[in-house]
Amino acid sequence: MTFLSTLADRVEAILRSVLSVAVALVLAAIAVICFLEVLCRPFGGSFVWYDECVGYLLVWLTFLGAGLARSHH
């Protein structure tokens, strides 16, 4: 293998691991926000930004997840 090929493989592995962490963080954020919203509803409170924030996070999750899925040959 040449030096550039080895370097490209290392960069790809690093980017794949960063993408995996990003997907996990976005998914965890969606779960936490939804859980907090469910907990607040019985007490008469509700987050105004809950629906829009989760919607945007789902869009980000879709694109990041598609990139991650594409990176696994």
C-alpha atoms as a PDB file:
ATOM      1  CA  MET A   1       0.000   0.000   0.000  1.00  0.00           C
ATOM      2  CA  THR A   2       1.158   3.466  -0.684  1.00  0.00           C
ATOM      3  CA  PHE A   3       1.432   6.238   1.845  1.00  0.00           C
ATOM      4  CA  LEU A   4      -1.578   8.109   0.432  1.00  0.00           C
ATOM      5  CA  SER A   5      -3.748   5.013   0.504  1.00  0.00           C
ATOM      6  CA  THR A   6      -2.871   4.333   4.131  1.00  0.00           C
ATOM      7  CA  LEU A   7      -3.486   7.980   5.023  1.00  0.00           C
ATOM      8  CA  ALA A   8      -6.854   7.930   3.267  1.00  0.00           C
ATOM      9  CA  ASP A   9      -7.864   4.800   5.177  1.00  0.00           C
ATOM     10  CA  ARG A  10      -6.942   6.421   8.494  1.00  0.00           C
ATOM     11  CA  VAL A  11      -8.841   9.606   7.690  1.00  0.00           C
ATOM     12  CA  GLU A  12     -11.872   7.561   6.624  1.00  0.00           C
ATOM     13  CA  ALA A  13     -11.794   5.596   9.887  1.00  0.00           C
ATOM     14  CA  ILE A  14     -11.570   8.797  11.929  1.00  0.00           C
ATOM     15  CA  LEU A  15     -14.438  10.408  10.026  1.00  0.00           C
ATOM     16  CA  ARG A  16     -16.546   7.278  10.413  1.00  0.00           C
ATOM     17  CA  SER A  17     -16.014   7.253  14.175  1.00  0.00           C
ATOM     18  CA  VAL A  18     -16.833  10.986  14.435  1.00  0.00           C
ATOM     19  CA  LEU A  19     -19.982  10.370  12.411  1.00  0.00           C
ATOM     20  CA  SER A  20     -20.951   7.480  14.689  1.00  0.00           C
ATOM     21  CA  VAL A  21     -20.574   9.674  17.762  1.00  0.00           C
ATOM     22  CA  ALA A  22     -22.618  12.444  16.119  1.00  0.00           C
ATOM     23  CA  VAL A  23     -25.436  10.026  15.281  1.00  0.00           C
ATOM     24  CA  ALA A  24     -25.430   8.683  18.839  1.00  0.00           C
ATOM     25  CA  LEU A  25     -25.523  12.199  20.315  1.00  0.00           C
ATOM     26  CA  VAL A  26     -28.395  13.320  18.090  1.00  0.00           C
ATOM     27  CA  LEU A  27     -30.359  10.175  18.911  1.00  0.00           C
ATOM     28  CA  ALA A  28     -29.711  10.662  22.638  1.00  0.00           C
ATOM     29  CA  ALA A  29     -30.803  14.305  22.400  1.00  0.00           C
ATOM     30  CA  ILE A  30     -34.077  13.279  20.741  1.00  0.00           C
ATOM     31  CA  ALA A  31     -34.712  10.688  23.453  1.00  0.00           C
ATOM     32  CA  VAL A  32     -33.957  13.112  26.295  1.00  0.00           C
ATOM     33  CA  ILE A  33     -36.094  15.924  24.869  1.00  0.00           C
ATOM     34  CA  CYS A  34     -39.047  13.589  24.285  1.00  0.00           C
ATOM     35  CA  PHE A  35     -38.674  12.092  27.755  1.00  0.00           C
ATOM     36  CA  LEU A  36     -38.615  15.527  29.390  1.00  0.00           C
ATOM     37  CA  GLU A  37     -41.679  16.584  27.427  1.00  0.00           C
ATOM     38  CA  VAL A  38     -43.576  13.501  28.582  1.00  0.00           C
ATOM     39  CA  LEU A  39     -42.567  14.163  32.191  1.00  0.00           C
ATOM     40  CA  CYS A  40     -43.669  17.825  32.059  1.00  0.00           C
ATOM     41  CA  ARG A  41     -47.105  17.261  30.530  1.00  0.00           C
ATOM     42  CA  PRO A  42     -48.870  15.908  33.655  1.00  0.00           C
ATOM     43  CA  PHE A  43     -47.775  19.002  35.595  1.00  0.00           C
ATOM     44  CA  GLY A  44     -49.314  21.400  33.093  1.00  0.00           C
ATOM     45  CA  GLY A  45     -45.990  22.439  31.639  1.00  0.00           C
ATOM     46  CA  SER A  46     -44.845  21.998  28.133  1.00  0.00           C
ATOM     47  CA  PHE A  47     -41.868  23.066  26.078  1.00  0.00           C
ATOM     48  CA  VAL A  48     -42.835  25.382  23.244  1.00  0.00           C
ATOM     49  CA  TRP A  49     -39.754  24.442  21.237  1.00  0.00           C
ATOM     50  CA  TYR A  50     -40.057  20.671  21.706  1.00  0.00           C
ATOM     51  CA  ASP A  51     -41.765  19.757  18.428  1.00  0.00           C
ATOM     52  CA  GLU A  52     -39.634  21.918  16.170  1.00  0.00           C
ATOM     53  CA  CYS A  53     -36.374  20.912  17.836  1.00  0.00           C
ATOM     54  CA  VAL A  54     -37.121  17.205  17.577  1.00  0.00           C
ATOM     55  CA  GLY A  55     -38.123  17.663  13.935  1.00  0.00           C
ATOM     56  CA  TYR A  56     -34.811  19.321  13.088  1.00  0.00           C
ATOM     57  CA  LEU A  57     -32.896  16.682  15.019  1.00  0.00           C
ATOM     58  CA  LEU A  58     -34.694  13.953  13.058  1.00  0.00           C
ATOM     59  CA  VAL A  59     -33.630  15.602   9.802  1.00  0.00           C
ATOM     60  CA  TRP A  60     -30.036  15.736  11.016  1.00  0.00           C
ATOM     61  CA  LEU A  61     -30.263  12.128  12.162  1.00  0.00           C
ATOM     62  CA  THR A  62     -31.467  11.081   8.725  1.00  0.00           C
ATOM     63  CA  PHE A  63     -28.629  12.766   6.870  1.00  0.00           C
ATOM     64  CA  LEU A  64     -25.906  11.754   9.321  1.00  0.00           C
ATOM     65  CA  GLY A  65     -27.232   8.194   9.441  1.00  0.00           C
ATOM     66  CA  ALA A  66     -27.319   8.007   5.647  1.00  0.00           C
ATOM     67  CA  GLY A  67     -23.703   9.139   5.509  1.00  0.00           C
ATOM     68  CA  LEU A  68     -22.738   6.579   8.113  1.00  0.00           C
ATOM     69  CA  ALA A  69     -24.602   3.806   6.318  1.00  0.00           C
ATOM     70  CA  ARG A  70     -22.935   4.782   3.044  1.00  0.00           C
ATOM     71  CA  SER A  71     -19.497   4.649   4.635  1.00  0.00           C
ATOM     72  CA  HIS A  72     -19.944   0.956   5.499  1.00  0.00           C
ATOM     73  CA  HIS A  73     -19.297  -0.748   2.214  1.00  0.00           C
END
